[in-house]
């Protein structure tokens, strides 16, 4: 059986205001806010903060 993954997508809200949308099948979409740029949001997705968030949500060990 394939492992279901959380998918992350960056969204521009306004100039200097970005957020990340996290989708996990069967649950509500989550928003992670407070990013000043796409690079900042991408850094979150590609860094340790994503793993910490997944653990806090119960999606990772």
N, C-alpha and C. Protein backbone atom coordinates (compact mmCIF):
# COMPACT_ATOMS: atom_id res chain seq x y z
N UNK A 1 0.84 -1.18 0.00
CA UNK A 1 0.00 0.00 0.00
C UNK A 1 0.89 1.25 0.00
N UNK A 2 0.54 2.21 -0.83
CA UNK A 2 1.33 3.43 -0.94
C UNK A 2 1.14 4.32 0.29
N UNK A 3 2.21 4.97 0.69
CA UNK A 3 2.18 5.86 1.83
C UNK A 3 1.56 7.19 1.39
N UNK A 4 0.59 7.69 2.15
CA UNK A 4 -0.03 8.97 1.83
C UNK A 4 0.85 10.08 2.37
N UNK A 5 1.04 11.13 1.57
CA UNK A 5 1.93 12.22 1.94
C UNK A 5 1.17 13.52 2.09
N UNK A 6 1.71 14.37 2.94
CA UNK A 6 1.24 15.74 3.03
C UNK A 6 1.87 16.51 1.87
N UNK A 7 1.07 17.26 1.15
CA UNK A 7 1.60 18.08 0.06
C UNK A 7 1.57 19.54 0.48
N UNK A 8 2.61 20.27 0.09
CA UNK A 8 2.75 21.68 0.46
C UNK A 8 2.76 22.52 -0.79
N UNK A 9 2.09 23.69 -0.69
CA UNK A 9 2.02 24.61 -1.83
C UNK A 9 2.17 26.04 -1.31
N UNK A 10 3.03 26.83 -1.93
CA UNK A 10 3.19 28.22 -1.54
C UNK A 10 2.18 29.08 -2.28
N UNK A 11 1.64 30.07 -1.57
CA UNK A 11 0.63 30.96 -2.13
C UNK A 11 0.97 32.40 -1.74
N UNK A 12 0.96 33.29 -2.71
CA UNK A 12 1.18 34.71 -2.43
C UNK A 12 -0.14 35.34 -2.04
N UNK A 13 -0.17 35.95 -0.87
CA UNK A 13 -1.38 36.62 -0.39
C UNK A 13 -1.37 38.08 -0.84
N UNK A 14 -0.24 38.73 -0.65
CA UNK A 14 -0.03 40.12 -1.06
C UNK A 14 1.47 40.35 -1.17
N UNK A 15 1.85 41.55 -1.58
CA UNK A 15 3.27 41.88 -1.66
C UNK A 15 3.90 41.71 -0.28
N UNK A 16 4.90 40.85 -0.20
CA UNK A 16 5.59 40.62 1.07
C UNK A 16 4.83 39.75 2.05
N UNK A 17 3.80 39.04 1.59
CA UNK A 17 3.00 38.18 2.47
C UNK A 17 2.70 36.86 1.75
N UNK A 18 3.32 35.81 2.22
CA UNK A 18 3.16 34.48 1.64
C UNK A 18 2.69 33.50 2.69
N UNK A 19 2.04 32.43 2.25
CA UNK A 19 1.64 31.36 3.15
C UNK A 19 1.85 30.03 2.46
N UNK A 20 1.83 28.99 3.27
CA UNK A 20 1.94 27.63 2.75
C UNK A 20 0.64 26.91 3.06
N UNK A 21 0.11 26.22 2.06
CA UNK A 21 -1.08 25.38 2.25
C UNK A 21 -0.62 23.94 2.33
N UNK A 22 -1.03 23.26 3.38
CA UNK A 22 -0.66 21.86 3.58
C UNK A 22 -1.92 21.01 3.42
N UNK A 23 -1.86 20.05 2.49
CA UNK A 23 -2.98 19.16 2.23
C UNK A 23 -2.64 17.74 2.62
N UNK A 24 -3.52 17.12 3.39
CA UNK A 24 -3.39 15.71 3.76
C UNK A 24 -4.76 15.10 3.51
N UNK A 25 -4.84 14.08 2.65
CA UNK A 25 -6.14 13.49 2.31
C UNK A 25 -6.94 13.10 3.55
N UNK A 26 -8.20 13.49 3.56
CA UNK A 26 -9.09 13.13 4.66
C UNK A 26 -9.11 14.10 5.82
N UNK A 27 -8.35 15.22 5.73
CA UNK A 27 -8.36 16.22 6.78
C UNK A 27 -8.52 17.61 6.17
N UNK A 28 -8.76 18.59 7.04
CA UNK A 28 -8.86 19.97 6.58
C UNK A 28 -7.52 20.48 6.11
N UNK A 29 -7.55 21.36 5.14
CA UNK A 29 -6.33 21.99 4.67
C UNK A 29 -5.80 22.90 5.78
N UNK A 30 -4.50 22.88 6.00
CA UNK A 30 -3.87 23.72 7.03
C UNK A 30 -3.11 24.84 6.36
N UNK A 31 -3.07 26.00 7.02
CA UNK A 31 -2.32 27.15 6.53
C UNK A 31 -1.18 27.44 7.49
N UNK A 32 0.00 27.63 6.95
CA UNK A 32 1.15 28.08 7.72
C UNK A 32 1.46 29.47 7.18
N UNK A 33 1.33 30.47 8.03
CA UNK A 33 1.44 31.86 7.58
C UNK A 33 2.69 32.53 8.13
N UNK A 34 2.90 33.75 7.66
CA UNK A 34 3.96 34.58 8.20
C UNK A 34 5.26 34.60 7.42
N UNK A 35 5.20 34.34 6.14
CA UNK A 35 6.40 34.34 5.31
C UNK A 35 6.47 35.64 4.51
N UNK A 36 7.66 36.22 4.46
CA UNK A 36 7.85 37.50 3.78
C UNK A 36 8.11 37.34 2.29
N UNK A 37 8.53 36.14 1.87
CA UNK A 37 8.86 35.94 0.46
C UNK A 37 8.66 34.48 0.08
N UNK A 38 8.63 34.22 -1.21
CA UNK A 38 8.53 32.84 -1.69
C UNK A 38 9.77 32.06 -1.27
N UNK A 39 10.92 32.70 -1.30
CA UNK A 39 12.16 32.03 -0.89
C UNK A 39 12.10 31.62 0.58
N UNK A 40 11.50 32.46 1.42
CA UNK A 40 11.34 32.15 2.84
C UNK A 40 10.43 30.93 3.02
N UNK A 41 9.31 30.92 2.28
CA UNK A 41 8.38 29.79 2.36
C UNK A 41 9.02 28.52 1.81
N UNK A 42 9.73 28.63 0.71
CA UNK A 42 10.42 27.47 0.13
C UNK A 42 11.48 26.94 1.09
N UNK A 43 12.16 27.85 1.79
CA UNK A 43 13.14 27.44 2.78
C UNK A 43 12.50 26.64 3.90
N UNK A 44 11.29 27.05 4.31
CA UNK A 44 10.55 26.32 5.34
C UNK A 44 10.22 24.91 4.84
N UNK A 45 9.73 24.81 3.62
CA UNK A 45 9.35 23.52 3.05
C UNK A 45 10.56 22.60 2.92
N UNK A 46 11.70 23.14 2.56
CA UNK A 46 12.89 22.32 2.32
C UNK A 46 13.79 22.17 3.54
N UNK A 47 13.36 22.70 4.67
CA UNK A 47 14.21 22.67 5.86
C UNK A 47 13.65 21.86 7.01
N UNK A 48 14.28 22.03 8.15
CA UNK A 48 13.92 21.29 9.36
C UNK A 48 12.59 21.73 9.96
N UNK A 49 12.17 22.96 9.67
CA UNK A 49 10.91 23.44 10.25
C UNK A 49 9.72 22.63 9.73
N UNK A 50 9.78 22.16 8.49
CA UNK A 50 8.70 21.32 7.95
C UNK A 50 8.59 20.02 8.74
N UNK A 51 9.71 19.39 9.02
CA UNK A 51 9.71 18.13 9.77
C UNK A 51 9.15 18.36 11.17
N UNK A 52 9.56 19.45 11.81
CA UNK A 52 9.06 19.77 13.15
C UNK A 52 7.54 19.98 13.11
N UNK A 53 7.05 20.66 12.08
CA UNK A 53 5.62 20.89 11.94
C UNK A 53 4.88 19.57 11.72
N UNK A 54 5.41 18.71 10.85
CA UNK A 54 4.78 17.41 10.60
C UNK A 54 4.69 16.61 11.89
N UNK A 55 5.74 16.63 12.70
CA UNK A 55 5.72 15.92 13.98
C UNK A 55 4.68 16.51 14.91
N UNK A 56 4.58 17.83 14.96
CA UNK A 56 3.62 18.48 15.85
C UNK A 56 2.18 18.18 15.46
N UNK A 57 1.96 17.88 14.19
CA UNK A 57 0.62 17.56 13.70
C UNK A 57 0.31 16.07 13.76
N UNK A 58 1.32 15.27 14.11
CA UNK A 58 1.14 13.83 14.19
C UNK A 58 1.31 13.10 12.86
N UNK A 59 1.91 13.77 11.87
CA UNK A 59 2.09 13.17 10.55
C UNK A 59 3.45 12.52 10.37
N UNK A 60 4.36 12.71 11.33
CA UNK A 60 5.70 12.14 11.23
C UNK A 60 6.16 11.71 12.63
N UNK A 61 7.10 10.78 12.64
CA UNK A 61 7.63 10.32 13.93
C UNK A 61 8.95 10.97 14.25
